[in-house]
Structures are given as C-alpha cells and as structure tokens.
PDB file of N, CA and C in Angstrom:
ATOM      1  N   MET A   1      -6.343  13.030 -19.669  1.00  0.00           N
ATOM      2  CA  MET A   1      -5.208  13.130 -18.780  1.00  0.00           C
ATOM      3  C   MET A   1      -4.649  11.732 -18.533  1.00  0.00           C
ATOM      4  N   ALA A   2      -3.368  11.562 -18.812  1.00  0.00           N
ATOM      5  CA  ALA A   2      -2.713  10.272 -18.611  1.00  0.00           C
ATOM      6  C   ALA A   2      -2.323  10.105 -17.145  1.00  0.00           C
ATOM      7  N   HIS A   3      -2.528   8.912 -16.671  1.00  0.00           N
ATOM      8  CA  HIS A   3      -2.170   8.601 -15.285  1.00  0.00           C
ATOM      9  C   HIS A   3      -0.875   7.809 -15.280  1.00  0.00           C
ATOM     10  N   ASN A   4       0.015   8.152 -14.362  1.00  0.00           N
ATOM     11  CA  ASN A   4       1.254   7.407 -14.200  1.00  0.00           C
ATOM     12  C   ASN A   4       0.990   6.283 -13.206  1.00  0.00           C
ATOM     13  N   LEU A   5       0.921   5.062 -13.707  1.00  0.00           N
ATOM     14  CA  LEU A   5       0.649   3.910 -12.854  1.00  0.00           C
ATOM     15  C   LEU A   5       1.962   3.283 -12.419  1.00  0.00           C
ATOM     16  N   LEU A   6       2.149   3.209 -11.114  1.00  0.00           N
ATOM     17  CA  LEU A   6       3.394   2.709 -10.538  1.00  0.00           C
ATOM     18  C   LEU A   6       3.302   1.225 -10.226  1.00  0.00           C
ATOM     19  N   ARG A   7       4.425   0.544 -10.381  1.00  0.00           N
ATOM     20  CA  ARG A   7       4.541  -0.853  -9.969  1.00  0.00           C
ATOM     21  C   ARG A   7       4.939  -0.888  -8.495  1.00  0.00           C
ATOM     22  N   ILE A   8       4.798  -2.030  -7.896  1.00  0.00           N
ATOM     23  CA  ILE A   8       5.078  -2.180  -6.466  1.00  0.00           C
ATOM     24  C   ILE A   8       6.497  -1.745  -6.081  1.00  0.00           C
ATOM     25  N   PRO A   9       7.544  -2.093  -6.839  1.00  0.00           N
ATOM     26  CA  PRO A   9       8.884  -1.635  -6.434  1.00  0.00           C
ATOM     27  C   PRO A   9       8.996  -0.105  -6.349  1.00  0.00           C
ATOM     28  N   SER A  10       8.351   0.595  -7.270  1.00  0.00           N
ATOM     29  CA  SER A  10       8.384   2.065  -7.245  1.00  0.00           C
ATOM     30  C   SER A  10       7.632   2.615  -6.047  1.00  0.00           C
ATOM     31  N   VAL A  11       6.494   2.012  -5.736  1.00  0.00           N
ATOM     32  CA  VAL A  11       5.715   2.443  -4.570  1.00  0.00           C
ATOM     33  C   VAL A  11       6.529   2.213  -3.300  1.00  0.00           C
ATOM     34  N   ALA A  12       7.166   1.061  -3.209  1.00  0.00           N
ATOM     35  CA  ALA A  12       7.982   0.736  -2.029  1.00  0.00           C
ATOM     36  C   ALA A  12       9.100   1.761  -1.845  1.00  0.00           C
ATOM     37  N   ARG A  13       9.751   2.147  -2.935  1.00  0.00           N
ATOM     38  CA  ARG A  13      10.825   3.150  -2.842  1.00  0.00           C
ATOM     39  C   ARG A  13      10.279   4.489  -2.368  1.00  0.00           C
ATOM     40  N   LEU A  14       9.141   4.914  -2.907  1.00  0.00           N
ATOM     41  CA  LEU A  14       8.548   6.189  -2.493  1.00  0.00           C
ATOM     42  C   LEU A  14       8.188   6.193  -1.012  1.00  0.00           C
ATOM     43  N   LEU A  15       7.741   5.043  -0.509  1.00  0.00           N
ATOM     44  CA  LEU A  15       7.317   4.948   0.888  1.00  0.00           C
ATOM     45  C   LEU A  15       8.456   4.546   1.825  1.00  0.00           C
ATOM     46  N   SER A  16       9.593   4.191   1.261  1.00  0.00           N
ATOM     47  CA  SER A  16      10.752   3.723   2.048  1.00  0.00           C
ATOM     48  C   SER A  16      10.408   2.497   2.890  1.00  0.00           C
ATOM     49  N   VAL A  17       9.700   1.564   2.261  1.00  0.00           N
ATOM     50  CA  VAL A  17       9.373   0.289   2.905  1.00  0.00           C
ATOM     51  C   VAL A  17       9.708  -0.829   1.923  1.00  0.00           C
ATOM     52  N   SER A  18       9.679  -2.048   2.394  1.00  0.00           N
ATOM     53  CA  SER A  18       9.973  -3.184   1.523  1.00  0.00           C
ATOM     54  C   SER A  18       8.812  -3.439   0.561  1.00  0.00           C
ATOM     55  N   GLU A  19       9.105  -4.185  -0.492  1.00  0.00           N
ATOM     56  CA  GLU A  19       8.050  -4.562  -1.431  1.00  0.00           C
ATOM     57  C   GLU A  19       7.016  -5.447  -0.742  1.00  0.00           C
ATOM     58  N   ALA A  20       7.468  -6.314   0.166  1.00  0.00           N
ATOM     59  CA  ALA A  20       6.536  -7.184   0.897  1.00  0.00           C
ATOM     60  C   ALA A  20       5.583  -6.347   1.747  1.00  0.00           C
ATOM     61  N   SER A  21       6.103  -5.329   2.416  1.00  0.00           N
ATOM     62  CA  SER A  21       5.241  -4.453   3.225  1.00  0.00           C
ATOM     63  C   SER A  21       4.262  -3.702   2.338  1.00  0.00           C
ATOM     64  N   THR A  22       4.737  -3.275   1.173  1.00  0.00           N
ATOM     65  CA  THR A  22       3.860  -2.574   0.229  1.00  0.00           C
ATOM     66  C   THR A  22       2.722  -3.483  -0.201  1.00  0.00           C
ATOM     67  N   ARG A  23       3.037  -4.733  -0.520  1.00  0.00           N
ATOM     68  CA  ARG A  23       1.990  -5.687  -0.926  1.00  0.00           C
ATOM     69  C   ARG A  23       0.987  -5.918   0.207  1.00  0.00           C
ATOM     70  N   ARG A  24       1.482  -6.040   1.439  1.00  0.00           N
ATOM     71  CA  ARG A  24       0.572  -6.246   2.576  1.00  0.00           C
ATOM     72  C   ARG A  24      -0.355  -5.043   2.746  1.00  0.00           C
ATOM     73  N   LEU A  25       0.185  -3.845   2.621  1.00  0.00           N
ATOM     74  CA  LEU A  25      -0.638  -2.638   2.761  1.00  0.00           C
ATOM     75  C   LEU A  25      -1.688  -2.557   1.657  1.00  0.00           C
ATOM     76  N   ILE A  26      -1.320  -2.951   0.451  1.00  0.00           N
ATOM     77  CA  ILE A  26      -2.277  -2.954  -0.661  1.00  0.00           C
ATOM     78  C   ILE A  26      -3.358  -4.000  -0.413  1.00  0.00           C
ATOM     79  N   ARG A  27      -2.955  -5.227  -0.031  1.00  0.00           N
ATOM     80  CA  ARG A  27      -3.944  -6.290   0.236  1.00  0.00           C
ATOM     81  C   ARG A  27      -4.900  -5.905   1.350  1.00  0.00           C
ATOM     82  N   ALA A  28      -4.387  -5.186   2.348  1.00  0.00           N
ATOM     83  CA  ALA A  28      -5.224  -4.770   3.479  1.00  0.00           C
ATOM     84  C   ALA A  28      -6.118  -3.586   3.120  1.00  0.00           C
ATOM     85  N   GLY A  29      -5.922  -3.019   1.929  1.00  0.00           N
ATOM     86  CA  GLY A  29      -6.742  -1.885   1.514  1.00  0.00           C
ATOM     87  C   GLY A  29      -6.261  -0.560   2.078  1.00  0.00           C
ATOM     88  N   VAL A  30      -5.072  -0.541   2.653  1.00  0.00           N
ATOM     89  CA  VAL A  30      -4.539   0.683   3.245  1.00  0.00           C
ATOM     90  C   VAL A  30      -4.018   1.617   2.157  1.00  0.00           C
ATOM     91  N   ILE A  31      -3.334   1.060   1.156  1.00  0.00           N
ATOM     92  CA  ILE A  31      -2.859   1.838   0.012  1.00  0.00           C
ATOM     93  C   ILE A  31      -3.857   1.653  -1.123  1.00  0.00           C
ATOM     94  N   PRO A  32      -4.378   2.753  -1.678  1.00  0.00           N
ATOM     95  CA  PRO A  32      -5.308   2.639  -2.801  1.00  0.00           C
ATOM     96  C   PRO A  32      -4.587   2.079  -4.028  1.00  0.00           C
ATOM     97  N   SER A  33      -5.189   1.100  -4.677  1.00  0.00           N
ATOM     98  CA  SER A  33      -4.549   0.472  -5.834  1.00  0.00           C
ATOM     99  C   SER A  33      -5.595   0.044  -6.845  1.00  0.00           C
ATOM    100  N   ILE A  34      -5.118  -0.304  -8.030  1.00  0.00           N
ATOM    101  CA  ILE A  34      -5.995  -0.840  -9.070  1.00  0.00           C
ATOM    102  C   ILE A  34      -5.340  -2.090  -9.638  1.00  0.00           C
ATOM    103  N   ARG A  35      -6.152  -2.935 -10.206  1.00  0.00           N
ATOM    104  CA  ARG A  35      -5.641  -4.150 -10.829  1.00  0.00           C
ATOM    105  C   ARG A  35      -5.749  -3.963 -12.341  1.00  0.00           C
ATOM    106  N   VAL A  36      -4.641  -4.239 -13.029  1.00  0.00           N
ATOM    107  CA  VAL A  36      -4.600  -4.203 -14.488  1.00  0.00           C
ATOM    108  C   VAL A  36      -4.291  -5.631 -14.920  1.00  0.00           C
ATOM    109  N   GLY A  37      -5.332  -6.347 -15.292  1.00  0.00           N
ATOM    110  CA  GLY A  37      -5.148  -7.773 -15.557  1.00  0.00           C
ATOM    111  C   GLY A  37      -4.785  -8.463 -14.258  1.00  0.00           C
ATOM    112  N   ARG A  38      -3.646  -9.143 -14.249  1.00  0.00           N
ATOM    113  CA  ARG A  38      -3.186  -9.827 -13.034  1.00  0.00           C
ATOM    114  C   ARG A  38      -2.201  -8.984 -12.241  1.00  0.00           C
ATOM    115  N   GLN A  39      -1.917  -7.795 -12.729  1.00  0.00           N
ATOM    116  CA  GLN A  39      -0.911  -6.957 -12.085  1.00  0.00           C
ATOM    117  C   GLN A  39      -1.556  -5.860 -11.251  1.00  0.00           C
ATOM    118  N   ILE A  40      -0.866  -5.473 -10.195  1.00  0.00           N
ATOM    119  CA  ILE A  40      -1.347  -4.408  -9.317  1.00  0.00           C
ATOM    120  C   ILE A  40      -0.582  -3.138  -9.640  1.00  0.00           C
ATOM    121  N   ARG A  41      -1.317  -2.040  -9.758  1.00  0.00           N
ATOM    122  CA  ARG A  41      -0.703  -0.742 -10.016  1.00  0.00           C
ATOM    123  C   ARG A  41      -1.278   0.268  -9.034  1.00  0.00           C
ATOM    124  N   VAL A  42      -0.490   1.311  -8.784  1.00  0.00           N
ATOM    125  CA  VAL A  42      -0.920   2.395  -7.911  1.00  0.00           C
ATOM    126  C   VAL A  42      -0.763   3.688  -8.696  1.00  0.00           C
ATOM    127  N   ASP A  43      -1.848   4.447  -8.793  1.00  0.00           N
ATOM    128  CA  ASP A  43      -1.807   5.732  -9.486  1.00  0.00           C
ATOM    129  C   ASP A  43      -0.919   6.683  -8.679  1.00  0.00           C
ATOM    130  N   GLU A  44       0.123   7.217  -9.315  1.00  0.00           N
ATOM    131  CA  GLU A  44       1.086   8.059  -8.597  1.00  0.00           C
ATOM    132  C   GLU A  44       0.420   9.273  -7.957  1.00  0.00           C
ATOM    133  N   GLU A  45      -0.486   9.917  -8.669  1.00  0.00           N
ATOM    134  CA  GLU A  45      -1.158  11.098  -8.120  1.00  0.00           C
ATOM    135  C   GLU A  45      -1.995  10.733  -6.895  1.00  0.00           C
ATOM    136  N   VAL A  46      -2.712   9.631  -6.976  1.00  0.00           N
ATOM    137  CA  VAL A  46      -3.531   9.172  -5.853  1.00  0.00           C
ATOM    138  C   VAL A  46      -2.633   8.803  -4.669  1.00  0.00           C
ATOM    139  N   LEU A  47      -1.498   8.145  -4.944  1.00  0.00           N
ATOM    140  CA  LEU A  47      -0.564   7.773  -3.879  1.00  0.00           C
ATOM    141  C   LEU A  47      -0.019   9.015  -3.181  1.00  0.00           C
ATOM    142  N   ARG A  48       0.365  10.017  -3.961  1.00  0.00           N
ATOM    143  CA  ARG A  48       0.916  11.242  -3.361  1.00  0.00           C
ATOM    144  C   ARG A  48      -0.139  11.977  -2.532  1.00  0.00           C
ATOM    145  N   GLU A  49      -1.384  11.997  -3.001  1.00  0.00           N
ATOM    146  CA  GLU A  49      -2.469  12.597  -2.210  1.00  0.00           C
ATOM    147  C   GLU A  49      -2.658  11.820  -0.910  1.00  0.00           C
ATOM    148  N   TRP A  50      -2.623  10.492  -0.997  1.00  0.00           N
ATOM    149  CA  TRP A  50      -2.762   9.625   0.175  1.00  0.00           C
ATOM    150  C   TRP A  50      -1.641   9.906   1.167  1.00  0.00           C
ATOM    151  N   MET A  51      -0.412  10.056   0.651  1.00  0.00           N
ATOM    152  CA  MET A  51       0.734  10.345   1.508  1.00  0.00           C
ATOM    153  C   MET A  51       0.576  11.719   2.168  1.00  0.00           C
ATOM    154  N   ASN A  52       0.101  12.699   1.412  1.00  0.00           N
ATOM    155  CA  ASN A  52      -0.086  14.051   1.959  1.00  0.00           C
ATOM    156  C   ASN A  52      -1.150  14.093   3.051  1.00  0.00           C
ATOM    157  N   ARG A  53      -2.122  13.182   2.980  1.00  0.00           N
ATOM    158  CA  ARG A  53      -3.171  13.107   4.006  1.00  0.00           C
ATOM    159  C   ARG A  53      -2.700  12.338   5.236  1.00  0.00           C
ATOM    160  N   GLY A  54      -1.490  11.845   5.205  1.00  0.00           N
ATOM    161  CA  GLY A  54      -0.963  11.131   6.369  1.00  0.00           C
ATOM    162  C   GLY A  54      -0.667   9.678   6.108  1.00  0.00           C
ATOM    163  N   GLY A  55      -0.938   9.202   4.908  1.00  0.00           N
ATOM    164  CA  GLY A  55      -0.615   7.814   4.570  1.00  0.00           C
ATOM    165  C   GLY A  55      -1.272   6.837   5.511  1.00  0.00           C
ATOM    166  N   ALA A  56      -0.492   5.911   6.004  1.00  0.00           N
ATOM    167  CA  ALA A  56      -1.004   4.857   6.883  1.00  0.00           C
ATOM    168  C   ALA A  56      -1.012   5.293   8.333  1.00  0.00           C
ATOM    169  N   GLY A  57      -0.726   6.554   8.600  1.00  0.00           N
ATOM    170  CA  GLY A  57      -0.713   7.048   9.978  1.00  0.00           C
ATOM    171  C   GLY A  57      -2.004   6.705  10.693  1.00  0.00           C
ATOM    172  N   GLY A  58      -1.880   6.191  11.891  1.00  0.00           N
ATOM    173  CA  GLY A  58      -3.058   5.831  12.666  1.00  0.00           C
ATOM    174  C   GLY A  58      -3.468   4.379  12.508  1.00  0.00           C
ATOM    175  N   TRP A  59      -2.881   3.665  11.567  1.00  0.00           N
ATOM    176  CA  TRP A  59      -3.228   2.263  11.391  1.00  0.00           C
ATOM    177  C   TRP A  59      -2.317   1.400  12.241  1.00  0.00           C
ATOM    178  N   SER A  60      -2.842   0.305  12.684  1.00  0.00           N
ATOM    179  CA  SER A  60      -2.096  -0.639  13.521  1.00  0.00           C
ATOM    180  C   SER A  60      -0.871  -1.175  12.784  1.00  0.00           C
ATOM    181  N   GLN A  61       0.189  -1.430  13.508  1.00  0.00           N
ATOM    182  CA  GLN A  61       1.387  -2.033  12.933  1.00  0.00           C
ATOM    183  C   GLN A  61       1.165  -3.508  12.614  1.00  0.00           C
ATOM    184  N   GLU A  62      -0.007  -4.037  12.903  1.00  0.00           N
ATOM    185  CA  GLU A  62      -0.298  -5.442  12.643  1.00  0.00           C
ATOM    186  C   GLU A  62      -0.084  -5.793  11.176  1.00  0.00           C
ATOM    187  N   VAL A  63      -0.326  -4.859  10.277  1.00  0.00           N
ATOM    188  CA  VAL A  63      -0.123  -5.113   8.854  1.00  0.00           C
ATOM    189  C   VAL A  63       1.330  -5.479   8.605  1.00  0.00           C
ATOM    190  N   PHE A  64       2.248  -4.797   9.272  1.00  0.00           N
ATOM    191  CA  PHE A  64       3.666  -5.047   9.062  1.00  0.00           C
ATOM    192  C   PHE A  64       4.145  -6.292   9.794  1.00  0.00           C
ATOM    193  N   ARG A  65       3.444  -6.724  10.826  1.00  0.00           N
ATOM    194  CA  ARG A  65       3.872  -7.878  11.614  1.00  0.00           C
ATOM    195  C   ARG A  65       3.292  -9.180  11.098  1.00  0.00           C
ATOM    196  N   SER A  66       2.608  -9.146   9.983  1.00  0.00           N
ATOM    197  CA  SER A  66       1.944 -10.359   9.516  1.00  0.00           C
ATOM    198  C   SER A  66       2.962 -11.438   9.167  1.00  0.00           C
ATOM    199  N   GLY A  67       2.487 -12.655   9.143  1.00  0.00           N
ATOM    200  CA  GLY A  67       3.364 -13.786   8.868  1.00  0.00           C
ATOM    201  C   GLY A  67       3.793 -13.853   7.417  1.00  0.00           C
ATOM    202  N   THR A  68       4.674 -14.789   7.131  1.00  0.00           N
ATOM    203  CA  THR A  68       5.207 -14.933   5.782  1.00  0.00           C
ATOM    204  C   THR A  68       4.221 -15.577   4.830  1.00  0.00           C
ATOM    205  N   ASP A  69       3.100 -16.060   5.336  1.00  0.00           N
ATOM    206  CA  ASP A  69       2.114 -16.683   4.459  1.00  0.00           C
ATOM    207  C   ASP A  69       1.293 -15.651   3.707  1.00  0.00           C
ATOM    208  N   GLY A  70       1.536 -14.365   3.963  1.00  0.00           N
ATOM    209  CA  GLY A  70       0.844 -13.319   3.232  1.00  0.00           C
ATOM    210  C   GLY A  70      -0.455 -12.878   3.852  1.00  0.00           C
ATOM    211  N   GLU A  71      -0.889 -13.551   4.901  1.00  0.00           N
ATOM    212  CA  GLU A  71      -2.126 -13.156   5.555  1.00  0.00           C
ATOM    213  C   GLU A  71      -1.866 -11.988   6.489  1.00  0.00           C
ATOM    214  N   THR A  72      -2.725 -10.998   6.425  1.00  0.00           N
ATOM    215  CA  THR A  72      -2.518  -9.822   7.265  1.00  0.00           C
ATOM    216  C   THR A  72      -3.318  -9.886   8.545  1.00  0.00           C
ATOM    217  N   GLY A  73      -4.271 -10.772   8.631  1.00  0.00           N
ATOM    218  CA  GLY A  73      -5.130 -10.782   9.811  1.00  0.00           C
ATOM    219  C   GLY A  73      -5.994  -9.535   9.806  1.00  0.00           C
ATOM    220  N   ALA A  74      -6.529  -9.208  10.929  1.00  0.00           N
ATOM    221  CA  ALA A  74      -7.377  -8.022  11.015  1.00  0.00           C
ATOM    222  C   ALA A  74      -6.508  -6.786  11.126  1.00  0.00           C
ATOM    223  N   VAL A  75      -6.813  -5.830  10.298  1.00  0.00           N
ATOM    224  CA  VAL A  75      -6.121  -4.549  10.371  1.00  0.00           C
ATOM    225  C   VAL A  75      -7.040  -3.617  11.126  1.00  0.00           C
ATOM    226  N   GLN A  76      -6.530  -3.050  12.181  1.00  0.00           N
ATOM    227  CA  GLN A  76      -7.373  -2.219  13.026  1.00  0.00           C
ATOM    228  C   GLN A  76      -6.933  -0.779  12.968  1.00  0.00           C
ATOM    229  N   ASN A  77      -7.896   0.096  12.917  1.00  0.00           N
ATOM    230  CA  ASN A  77      -7.612   1.520  12.976  1.00  0.00           C
ATOM    231  C   ASN A  77      -7.415   1.869  14.438  1.00  0.00           C
ATOM    232  N   SER A  78      -6.268   2.444  14.768  1.00  0.00           N
ATOM    233  CA  SER A  78      -5.971   2.728  16.173  1.00  0.00           C
ATOM    234  C   SER A  78      -6.387   4.131  16.593  1.00  0.00           C
ATOM    235  N   ARG A  79      -7.111   4.826  15.748  1.00  0.00           N
ATOM    236  CA  ARG A  79      -7.558   6.186  16.066  1.00  0.00           C
ATOM    237  C   ARG A  79      -8.690   6.178  17.044  1.00  0.00           C
TER     238      ARG A  79
END
C-alpha cells in the first residue's frame, strides 16, 4: 500500500494554519510526522486520522505563541 506523504505547505492548507505554525506543531510532536532524509513529511492518512480524533484540541496555545527563533518552549496539555 502506497502512502501519500505530504509536504508542510499541503499540511498547512489542510489545517488552515500557516506553514510556520505547522512546523512548530511538528517540532512539538503534536502533529505526527516522519523524516525523509532532511525533509519532513506527514502521512496523509495518519494526518486525517489525527484530525478526526480532534487534532490539537486540548493542547495549549503556547505552541502558536512561540517566538520567531523557532523554540516552542514547553507544550502543555490543558486537559
């Protein structure tokens, strides 16, 4: 079975967020991803399952408020 591996711009469009926010969510481990060499990919089927389970719902907005240096700080589950 072939997997459709999405690039960050495609993931951002599906989630209706910026590419920077998508990268922060991936770095924080909120969005499941894989590394192919130096590139980051997200399996479309896994992403859609993640979205159906509620996506990032319940996670602190701290991931989105991180600074421009790319550091996310501590990501806290607010549940």
